[in-house]
Amino acid sequence: MVVRKRSFINSDRPSCAVTAIFKRGGQTMKKIGICCLGLLFSLCSYAQVQREYHLISAEKIENKAYYFTALLREFGEVDSMICHDPVLKKMGLKKLERLHEAKTSQERVEAMKFSAEEITEAAKALASLYKPGNPIDRLLTRHIIPSGCYQQYKENGAEFLKKIWEQDAEGMNYAIEVYAAARKPHYPQIDSIGFYIHSRRFIEEILPACQQNIAFEVKTHPVFYSVPMAAVKALLDVNDRRQSIDYEPLCSTENRMAYTQVSQTEWNNYPYTAILVLGAGPEEPNVSISPEGKLRSAYAAMMYRQHQAPFIIVSGGRVHPYHTPYNEAFEMKKYLMDVWQIPESAIIIEPHARHTTTNFRNAARIMFRNGFPVEKAAVVTSSFSHLNFVEGMDSRCLRELGYVPYRLGKRLNERMMEFFPLQESLIIQPTEPIDP
């Protein structure tokens, strides 16, 4: 399949031409001049998504949702360039000043956000700082591009830098609008703001206190992105919307034993790589796991006992009912261990997905970044009606994510279907701050 052949490389970037040329053998190689080869090699770093790459500080909200902007402060040389740039330095100070001066709710929200002019001005300033081989370029080539988080953009160098900055900035604005100004999110029944924004409590207590906390946090390091990023963190926190980092870092918490086992697995001993269980949250507030969650988990346990796959991936976050304290994946893991005696080393939790589309996307991310053979099929299990829905879900994925994170295989029976994870799953969704 063509899809699997391109699963590690973004074929629309220039260096994929290099890869394709090399795969065609010596005949084609002879047609390329030395100068062309040198140019193509110099662009190679702008194409390669590295499977083994893991996000830095995945336990930070900003690193999950706005990876490029979050990393600007992680590396001293880059941070120094930002802090000494006169345009960006002035912008940071002005944003903090404007935040201090805001008096009404509308002024406070607008002060927390980037204006359209600020986004454009920052993009130009960042582009002017970029030079091949300098610290910003190294940030792109060693982290941003290998991560695959922004692989949908086809530009290189300064133009690529502009695109990913604009995505981050607009994503921060979106989160602020939803959780400070009650903008309607994609799924308002489960993801909307937790306050009535016209209430006295919100106007006189919640929003002013957020404003003060943000200003206090930012004053020691007022770079151009500090106010909006601090605002997102404060607003998600006060709205109990920090679910994107539940159980992180998974590699050293709930998935530590299973991830260790992955490298020791003899994949040829199993027909499938994993059994993905789609979550089904209860509707009752005091119920930790739904009957559907038990039935789906039990079916996966029986498949595991029949050696269909070495791992069970249970997927689902804190979704139903609204503001539930229970995490679907964590509760299914407990059920599998307590009732079916499935070893912890065989269970991987994906505790962040809030929709069926992201059940697949997040599971695919786990498989890509933790050494699963993605050319080999996995299986997904759920109810008959749910899998019927999955069979026609491509259009919803394109509408909500901008891509399809999987390729479906055969429908094996009413409750089981093959699928293959795709590299596109690594792309960040900036308008889903609870699960980007």
Protein backbone atom coordinates (compact mmCIF):
# COMPACT_ATOMS: atom_id res chain seq x y z
CA MET A 1 0.00 0.00 0.00
CA VAL A 2 1.23 3.49 -0.84
CA VAL A 3 0.08 4.83 2.52
CA ARG A 4 2.33 2.52 4.46
CA LYS A 5 5.31 3.27 2.25
CA ARG A 6 5.07 6.94 3.15
CA SER A 7 4.24 6.38 6.81
CA PHE A 8 7.56 7.70 8.12
CA ILE A 9 8.12 10.57 5.72
CA ASN A 10 6.04 13.53 4.62
CA SER A 11 6.19 12.96 0.89
CA ASP A 12 5.23 16.53 0.03
CA ARG A 13 8.43 17.98 1.48
CA PRO A 14 11.52 18.36 -0.77
CA SER A 15 13.65 15.68 0.84
CA CYS A 16 11.06 13.06 0.04
CA ALA A 17 12.10 13.55 -3.52
CA VAL A 18 15.56 12.46 -2.36
CA THR A 19 14.10 9.37 -0.72
CA ALA A 20 12.06 8.50 -3.80
CA ILE A 21 15.08 9.02 -6.04
CA PHE A 22 17.26 6.74 -3.97
CA LYS A 23 14.57 4.06 -3.94
CA ARG A 24 14.51 4.03 -7.73
CA GLY A 25 18.14 2.92 -7.83
CA GLY A 26 21.32 3.91 -9.61
CA GLN A 27 19.75 4.72 -12.98
CA THR A 28 17.88 7.70 -11.57
CA MET A 29 20.78 8.77 -9.38
CA LYS A 30 22.92 9.37 -12.46
CA LYS A 31 20.48 11.98 -13.71
CA ILE A 32 21.00 14.24 -10.68
CA GLY A 33 23.77 16.82 -10.76
CA ILE A 34 26.10 17.38 -7.82
CA CYS A 35 24.63 20.81 -7.12
CA CYS A 36 21.10 19.48 -7.09
CA LEU A 37 22.10 16.72 -4.71
CA GLY A 38 23.70 19.21 -2.36
CA LEU A 39 20.57 21.35 -2.34
CA LEU A 40 18.32 18.36 -1.73
CA PHE A 41 20.50 17.10 1.08
CA SER A 42 20.45 20.52 2.72
CA LEU A 43 16.65 20.34 2.74
CA CYS A 44 16.56 16.79 4.07
CA SER A 45 16.04 17.85 7.68
CA TYR A 46 12.77 19.52 6.67
CA ALA A 47 11.15 16.23 5.76
CA GLN A 48 11.95 13.56 8.27
CA VAL A 49 9.48 12.70 10.97
CA GLN A 50 11.26 10.49 13.48
CA ARG A 51 9.27 7.65 15.00
CA GLU A 52 11.46 7.53 18.08
CA TYR A 53 10.95 11.23 18.86
CA HIS A 54 9.14 11.93 22.15
CA LEU A 55 7.74 15.31 23.11
CA ILE A 56 9.77 17.26 25.65
CA SER A 57 7.90 17.75 28.94
CA ALA A 58 4.67 16.08 27.85
CA GLU A 59 3.31 16.75 31.32
CA LYS A 60 2.99 20.47 30.47
CA ILE A 61 -0.25 21.69 28.88
CA GLU A 62 1.56 24.15 26.63
CA ASN A 63 3.91 21.49 25.29
CA LYS A 64 0.98 19.35 24.21
CA ALA A 65 -0.97 22.10 22.45
CA TYR A 66 1.59 24.71 21.31
CA TYR A 67 4.77 22.73 20.99
CA PHE A 68 6.82 25.21 18.99
CA THR A 69 6.05 28.21 21.18
CA ALA A 70 6.49 26.18 24.36
CA LEU A 71 9.97 25.12 23.27
CA LEU A 72 11.13 28.70 22.71
CA ARG A 73 11.84 28.93 26.43
CA GLU A 74 13.17 25.39 26.84
CA PHE A 75 16.46 26.22 25.10
CA GLY A 76 18.64 29.03 26.43
CA GLU A 77 20.11 30.15 23.09
CA VAL A 78 16.66 30.49 21.51
CA ASP A 79 15.22 32.23 24.56
CA SER A 80 18.12 34.69 24.52
CA MET A 81 17.51 35.54 20.86
CA ILE A 82 13.83 36.16 21.59
CA CYS A 83 14.53 38.30 24.66
CA HIS A 84 17.05 40.50 22.85
CA ASP A 85 14.99 41.11 19.75
CA PRO A 86 13.68 44.70 20.07
CA VAL A 87 10.34 44.04 18.35
CA LEU A 88 9.50 40.93 20.37
CA LYS A 89 10.80 42.45 23.61
CA LYS A 90 8.60 45.52 23.16
CA MET A 91 5.59 43.35 22.35
CA GLY A 92 6.02 41.33 25.54
CA LEU A 93 6.21 44.43 27.73
CA LYS A 94 3.22 46.03 25.99
CA LYS A 95 1.09 42.93 26.46
CA LEU A 96 1.85 42.86 30.17
CA GLU A 97 1.09 46.58 30.48
CA ARG A 98 -2.20 46.15 28.65
CA LEU A 99 -3.15 43.27 30.94
CA HIS A 100 -2.49 45.42 34.02
CA GLU A 101 -4.66 48.22 32.62
CA ALA A 102 -7.69 46.07 31.71
CA LYS A 103 -10.76 46.88 33.84
CA THR A 104 -13.79 45.23 32.22
CA SER A 105 -14.33 41.57 31.32
CA GLN A 106 -14.02 42.31 27.62
CA GLU A 107 -10.81 44.27 28.14
CA ARG A 108 -9.37 41.46 30.25
CA VAL A 109 -10.14 38.82 27.62
CA GLU A 110 -8.73 40.92 24.79
CA ALA A 111 -5.59 41.69 26.81
CA MET A 112 -5.01 37.98 27.34
CA LYS A 113 -5.22 37.24 23.61
CA PHE A 114 -3.00 38.10 20.65
CA SER A 115 -4.38 40.69 18.30
CA ALA A 116 -4.22 39.93 14.58
CA GLU A 117 -1.57 42.63 14.25
CA GLU A 118 0.54 41.08 17.01
CA ILE A 119 0.40 37.66 15.36
CA THR A 120 1.60 39.14 12.08
CA GLU A 121 4.27 41.30 13.73
CA ALA A 122 5.63 38.37 15.73
CA ALA A 123 5.68 36.17 12.62
CA LYS A 124 7.80 38.72 10.77
CA ALA A 125 10.14 39.16 13.73
CA LEU A 126 10.63 35.43 14.15
CA ALA A 127 11.26 35.02 10.43
CA SER A 128 13.90 37.77 10.55
CA LEU A 129 15.68 35.95 13.38
CA TYR A 130 15.85 32.71 11.42
CA LYS A 131 19.09 31.77 9.69
CA PRO A 132 20.10 28.29 8.46
CA GLY A 133 22.14 26.61 11.16
CA ASN A 134 21.33 29.10 13.94
CA PRO A 135 19.62 28.13 17.24
CA ILE A 136 16.10 28.64 15.87
CA ASP A 137 16.89 26.52 12.84
CA ARG A 138 18.30 23.82 15.12
CA LEU A 139 15.09 23.94 17.15
CA LEU A 140 13.15 23.26 13.97
CA THR A 141 15.39 20.55 12.60
CA ARG A 142 16.06 18.70 15.86
CA HIS A 143 12.65 18.95 17.50
CA ILE A 144 9.77 20.52 15.62
CA ILE A 145 10.14 18.64 12.33
CA PRO A 146 11.10 15.26 13.87
CA SER A 147 8.09 15.51 16.19
CA GLY A 148 5.64 15.47 13.27
CA CYS A 149 3.41 17.92 15.15
CA TYR A 150 3.26 20.36 12.23
CA GLN A 151 3.91 18.08 9.27
CA GLN A 152 0.87 19.42 7.38
CA TYR A 153 2.81 22.54 6.42
CA LYS A 154 4.88 22.20 3.27
CA GLU A 155 6.95 25.37 3.58
CA ASN A 156 10.61 25.40 4.66
CA GLY A 157 12.76 27.65 6.79
CA ALA A 158 11.34 31.05 7.72
CA GLU A 159 8.02 30.38 5.98
CA PHE A 160 7.55 27.16 7.92
CA LEU A 161 8.40 29.08 11.09
CA LYS A 162 5.66 31.62 10.35
CA LYS A 163 3.05 28.93 9.76
CA ILE A 164 3.67 27.03 12.97
CA TRP A 165 3.79 30.25 15.01
CA GLU A 166 0.48 31.40 13.55
CA GLN A 167 -1.11 28.04 14.38
CA ASP A 168 0.06 28.25 17.99
CA ALA A 169 -1.07 31.85 18.41
CA GLU A 170 -4.51 31.23 16.94
CA GLY A 171 -4.83 28.10 19.07
CA MET A 172 -4.11 30.08 22.25
CA ASN A 173 -6.67 32.69 21.24
CA TYR A 174 -9.25 29.97 20.68
CA ALA A 175 -8.72 28.48 24.15
CA ILE A 176 -8.98 31.92 25.79
CA GLU A 177 -12.19 32.69 23.91
CA VAL A 178 -13.77 29.38 24.97
CA TYR A 179 -12.74 29.44 28.64
CA ALA A 180 -12.94 33.18 29.35
CA ALA A 181 -15.60 34.42 26.92
CA ALA A 182 -17.83 31.33 26.49
CA ARG A 183 -17.13 30.78 22.81
CA LYS A 184 -18.90 27.60 21.77
CA PRO A 185 -16.37 24.74 21.50
CA HIS A 186 -16.70 21.85 19.06
CA TYR A 187 -18.51 19.75 21.68
CA PRO A 188 -20.26 22.16 24.07
CA GLN A 189 -22.04 19.45 26.08
CA ILE A 190 -18.74 18.11 27.39
CA ASP A 191 -16.12 20.82 26.76
CA SER A 192 -17.76 24.19 27.45
CA ILE A 193 -16.76 26.81 30.03
CA GLY A 194 -17.67 25.99 33.62
CA PHE A 195 -19.01 29.48 34.50
CA TYR A 196 -21.81 31.81 33.54
CA ILE A 197 -19.71 34.71 32.29
CA HIS A 198 -22.32 37.35 33.15
CA SER A 199 -22.55 36.28 36.78
CA ARG A 200 -21.23 38.51 39.52
CA ARG A 201 -18.91 35.71 40.66
CA PHE A 202 -17.22 35.45 37.28
CA ILE A 203 -17.05 39.21 36.59
CA GLU A 204 -15.85 40.29 40.04
CA GLU A 205 -13.89 37.29 41.30
CA ILE A 206 -12.88 34.64 38.77
CA LEU A 207 -11.72 36.70 35.80
CA PRO A 208 -9.97 39.47 37.79
CA ALA A 209 -8.15 36.85 39.87
CA CYS A 210 -7.03 35.09 36.69
CA GLN A 211 -5.80 38.45 35.36
CA GLN A 212 -3.79 39.10 38.53
CA ASN A 213 -2.30 35.59 38.62
CA ILE A 214 -1.25 35.79 34.98
CA ALA A 215 0.40 39.18 35.47
CA PHE A 216 2.21 37.96 38.58
CA GLU A 217 3.52 34.88 36.76
CA VAL A 218 4.61 36.76 33.66
CA LYS A 219 6.34 39.79 35.21
CA THR A 220 9.68 38.00 35.71
CA HIS A 221 9.88 36.93 32.05
CA PRO A 222 7.54 39.03 29.87
CA VAL A 223 8.35 37.66 26.42
CA PHE A 224 5.94 38.19 23.54
CA TYR A 225 3.97 34.95 24.05
CA SER A 226 3.97 34.90 27.88
CA VAL A 227 0.60 36.53 28.61
CA PRO A 228 -1.56 34.39 26.26
CA MET A 229 0.23 31.17 27.21
CA ALA A 230 -0.11 31.87 30.94
CA ALA A 231 -3.75 32.81 30.32
CA VAL A 232 -4.49 29.47 28.66
CA LYS A 233 -2.95 27.57 31.57
CA ALA A 234 -4.81 29.61 34.18
CA LEU A 235 -8.16 29.38 32.41
CA LEU A 236 -7.92 25.65 31.75
CA ASP A 237 -7.00 25.14 35.39
CA VAL A 238 -9.85 27.18 36.85
CA ASN A 239 -12.29 25.43 34.49
CA ASP A 240 -10.99 21.98 35.54
CA ARG A 241 -9.78 21.39 31.99
CA ARG A 242 -6.23 20.10 32.48
CA GLN A 243 -7.15 16.64 31.16
CA SER A 244 -4.64 16.79 28.32
CA ILE A 245 -1.89 15.95 30.81
CA ASP A 246 -3.71 13.37 32.96
CA TYR A 247 -1.26 10.62 33.99
CA GLU A 248 1.63 12.23 32.10
CA PRO A 249 4.37 11.35 31.60
CA LEU A 250 2.77 8.02 30.69
CA CYS A 251 6.16 6.43 30.10
CA SER A 252 6.93 6.63 33.81
CA THR A 253 3.41 6.26 35.23
CA GLU A 254 0.57 4.05 34.04
CA ASN A 255 2.26 2.76 30.87
CA ARG A 256 5.76 2.23 32.21
CA MET A 257 5.54 -1.58 32.42
CA ALA A 258 3.83 -1.98 29.06
CA TYR A 259 6.21 0.34 27.22
CA THR A 260 9.14 -1.64 28.63
CA GLN A 261 7.55 -4.81 27.31
CA VAL A 262 7.14 -3.43 23.77
CA SER A 263 10.85 -3.71 22.98
CA GLN A 264 10.87 -7.34 24.11
CA THR A 265 7.85 -8.42 22.05
CA GLU A 266 8.12 -11.03 19.30
CA TRP A 267 5.58 -9.49 16.94
CA ASN A 268 5.58 -12.45 14.55
CA ASN A 269 4.00 -14.57 17.27
CA TYR A 270 0.73 -12.63 17.02
CA PRO A 271 -1.68 -11.91 14.16
CA TYR A 272 -2.17 -8.33 15.40
CA THR A 273 -0.08 -5.74 17.22
CA ALA A 274 -2.74 -4.43 19.62
CA ILE A 275 -6.39 -4.56 20.55
CA LEU A 276 -7.79 -1.04 20.78
CA VAL A 277 -10.83 -0.73 23.06
CA LEU A 278 -12.99 2.34 22.39
CA GLY A 279 -14.21 4.00 25.57
CA ALA A 280 -17.84 4.34 26.64
CA GLY A 281 -18.31 6.71 29.53
CA PRO A 282 -21.19 6.26 31.99
CA GLU A 283 -23.95 8.83 32.13
CA GLU A 284 -24.41 8.57 35.91
CA PRO A 285 -22.10 10.84 37.95
CA ASN A 286 -21.17 8.24 40.60
CA VAL A 287 -20.46 5.33 38.23
CA SER A 288 -16.80 4.71 37.46
CA ILE A 289 -17.18 2.37 34.47
CA SER A 290 -20.19 1.83 32.23
CA PRO A 291 -21.68 -1.56 31.31
CA GLU A 292 -20.50 -0.91 27.74
CA GLY A 293 -16.99 -0.26 29.02
CA LYS A 294 -17.01 -3.57 30.87
CA LEU A 295 -18.35 -5.52 27.89
CA ARG A 296 -15.83 -4.04 25.46
CA SER A 297 -12.95 -4.62 27.88
CA ALA A 298 -14.07 -8.19 28.55
CA TYR A 299 -14.16 -8.93 24.82
CA ALA A 300 -10.63 -7.56 24.46
CA ALA A 301 -9.49 -9.70 27.41
CA MET A 302 -10.82 -12.83 25.73
CA MET A 303 -9.06 -11.88 22.49
CA TYR A 304 -5.85 -11.30 24.44
CA ARG A 305 -6.13 -14.73 26.08
CA GLN A 306 -6.44 -16.24 22.61
CA HIS A 307 -3.09 -14.60 21.74
CA GLN A 308 -4.58 -12.31 19.10
CA ALA A 309 -2.28 -9.45 20.17
CA PRO A 310 0.35 -8.80 22.87
CA PHE A 311 -1.21 -5.53 24.08
CA ILE A 312 -4.60 -4.07 24.89
CA ILE A 313 -4.92 -0.29 24.42
CA VAL A 314 -7.85 1.13 26.39
CA SER A 315 -8.84 4.58 25.17
CA GLY A 316 -10.96 7.34 26.67
CA GLY A 317 -10.58 10.38 28.89
CA ARG A 318 -12.64 12.13 31.57
CA VAL A 319 -15.61 12.87 29.36
CA HIS A 320 -19.03 11.62 30.45
CA PRO A 321 -20.89 12.91 32.32
CA TYR A 322 -19.87 16.57 32.30
CA HIS A 323 -16.93 17.12 34.67
CA THR A 324 -16.76 13.48 35.70
CA PRO A 325 -13.87 12.57 38.03
CA TYR A 326 -13.51 9.16 36.37
CA ASN A 327 -11.17 8.43 33.48
CA GLU A 328 -12.48 5.81 31.04
CA ALA A 329 -9.12 4.30 30.13
CA PHE A 330 -7.89 4.12 33.72
CA GLU A 331 -11.12 2.47 34.90
CA MET A 332 -11.01 -0.06 32.05
CA LYS A 333 -7.43 -0.90 32.96
CA LYS A 334 -8.47 -1.52 36.57
CA TYR A 335 -11.34 -3.70 35.38
CA LEU A 336 -9.07 -5.76 33.12
CA MET A 337 -6.58 -6.35 35.92
CA ASP A 338 -9.07 -6.97 38.74
CA VAL A 339 -11.70 -9.01 36.93
CA TRP A 340 -9.81 -10.66 34.07
CA GLN A 341 -6.33 -10.83 35.63
CA ILE A 342 -4.70 -9.29 32.55
CA PRO A 343 -1.11 -8.37 33.48
CA GLU A 344 -0.33 -4.68 33.76
CA SER A 345 2.54 -5.12 31.31
CA ALA A 346 -0.01 -5.95 28.59
CA ILE A 347 -2.27 -2.92 29.13
CA ILE A 348 -1.64 0.53 27.68
CA ILE A 349 -3.91 3.37 28.67
CA GLU A 350 -4.71 6.23 26.31
CA PRO A 351 -6.39 8.53 28.85
CA HIS A 352 -7.00 11.71 26.83
CA ALA A 353 -9.38 11.02 23.93
CA ARG A 354 -12.77 12.72 24.09
CA HIS A 355 -14.25 11.49 20.79
CA THR A 356 -14.04 8.41 18.56
CA THR A 357 -11.81 10.29 16.13
CA THR A 358 -9.23 10.90 18.83
CA ASN A 359 -9.51 7.38 20.23
CA PHE A 360 -7.88 6.31 16.98
CA ARG A 361 -5.57 9.32 16.67
CA ASN A 362 -4.14 9.06 20.18
CA ALA A 363 -3.74 5.29 19.99
CA ALA A 364 -1.92 5.73 16.68
CA ARG A 365 0.41 8.28 18.30
CA ILE A 366 1.25 5.80 21.05
CA MET A 367 1.95 3.06 18.52
CA PHE A 368 4.15 5.29 16.35
CA ARG A 369 6.21 6.68 19.20
CA ASN A 370 6.71 3.46 21.12
CA GLY A 371 8.01 1.01 18.58
CA PHE A 372 4.93 -0.84 17.33
CA PRO A 373 5.32 -2.24 13.79
CA VAL A 374 2.82 0.05 12.08
CA GLU A 375 2.92 -1.90 8.81
CA LYS A 376 1.22 -4.74 10.69
CA ALA A 377 -2.50 -4.47 11.46
CA ALA A 378 -4.00 -3.76 14.86
CA VAL A 379 -7.65 -4.41 15.70
CA VAL A 380 -10.29 -2.20 17.26
CA THR A 381 -13.24 -3.50 19.25
CA SER A 382 -16.46 -1.80 20.27
CA SER A 383 -20.19 -2.31 19.79
CA PHE A 384 -21.72 -3.32 16.45
CA SER A 385 -23.31 0.11 15.93
CA HIS A 386 -20.15 1.95 16.97
CA LEU A 387 -18.02 0.10 14.43
CA ASN A 388 -20.65 0.78 11.78
CA PHE A 389 -20.14 4.45 12.58
CA VAL A 390 -16.35 4.05 12.42
CA GLU A 391 -16.57 2.63 8.90
CA GLY A 392 -17.91 5.98 7.69
CA MET A 393 -15.88 8.25 9.97
CA ASP A 394 -13.31 9.53 7.46
CA SER A 395 -15.32 12.65 6.65
CA ARG A 396 -15.70 13.53 10.33
CA CYS A 397 -11.95 13.13 10.83
CA LEU A 398 -11.26 15.44 7.90
CA ARG A 399 -13.74 17.99 9.19
CA GLU A 400 -12.57 17.98 12.82
CA LEU A 401 -8.89 17.01 12.61
CA GLY A 402 -7.99 17.96 9.05
CA TYR A 403 -6.74 14.45 8.27
CA VAL A 404 -7.56 10.77 8.83
CA PRO A 405 -5.21 9.23 11.45
CA TYR A 406 -5.77 5.59 10.45
CA ARG A 407 -6.44 3.29 7.55
CA LEU A 408 -9.16 0.73 8.10
CA GLY A 409 -8.66 -2.90 7.16
CA LYS A 410 -11.13 -5.79 7.12
CA ARG A 411 -14.27 -5.95 9.25
CA LEU A 412 -13.60 -9.24 11.02
CA ASN A 413 -16.95 -9.59 12.77
CA GLU A 414 -19.68 -7.44 14.31
CA ARG A 415 -17.38 -6.19 17.08
CA MET A 416 -13.86 -6.26 15.60
CA MET A 417 -12.13 -4.47 12.73
CA GLU A 418 -8.56 -4.13 11.49
CA PHE A 419 -6.83 -0.78 11.26
CA PHE A 420 -3.38 0.66 10.57
CA PRO A 421 -2.07 3.80 12.33
CA LEU A 422 -0.87 6.61 10.07
CA GLN A 423 1.85 9.19 10.58
CA GLU A 424 -0.64 12.04 10.22
CA SER A 425 -1.86 11.18 13.72
CA LEU A 426 1.08 13.13 15.16
CA ILE A 427 -0.32 16.48 13.95
CA ILE A 428 -1.50 18.81 16.74
CA GLN A 429 -5.16 19.91 16.74
CA PRO A 430 -4.92 23.53 18.02
CA THR A 431 -8.67 24.02 18.55
CA GLU A 432 -8.96 21.13 21.02
CA PRO A 433 -7.04 22.44 24.05
CA ILE A 434 -8.30 19.62 26.30
CA ASP A 435 -6.90 17.01 23.94
CA PRO A 436 -4.77 18.59 21.21
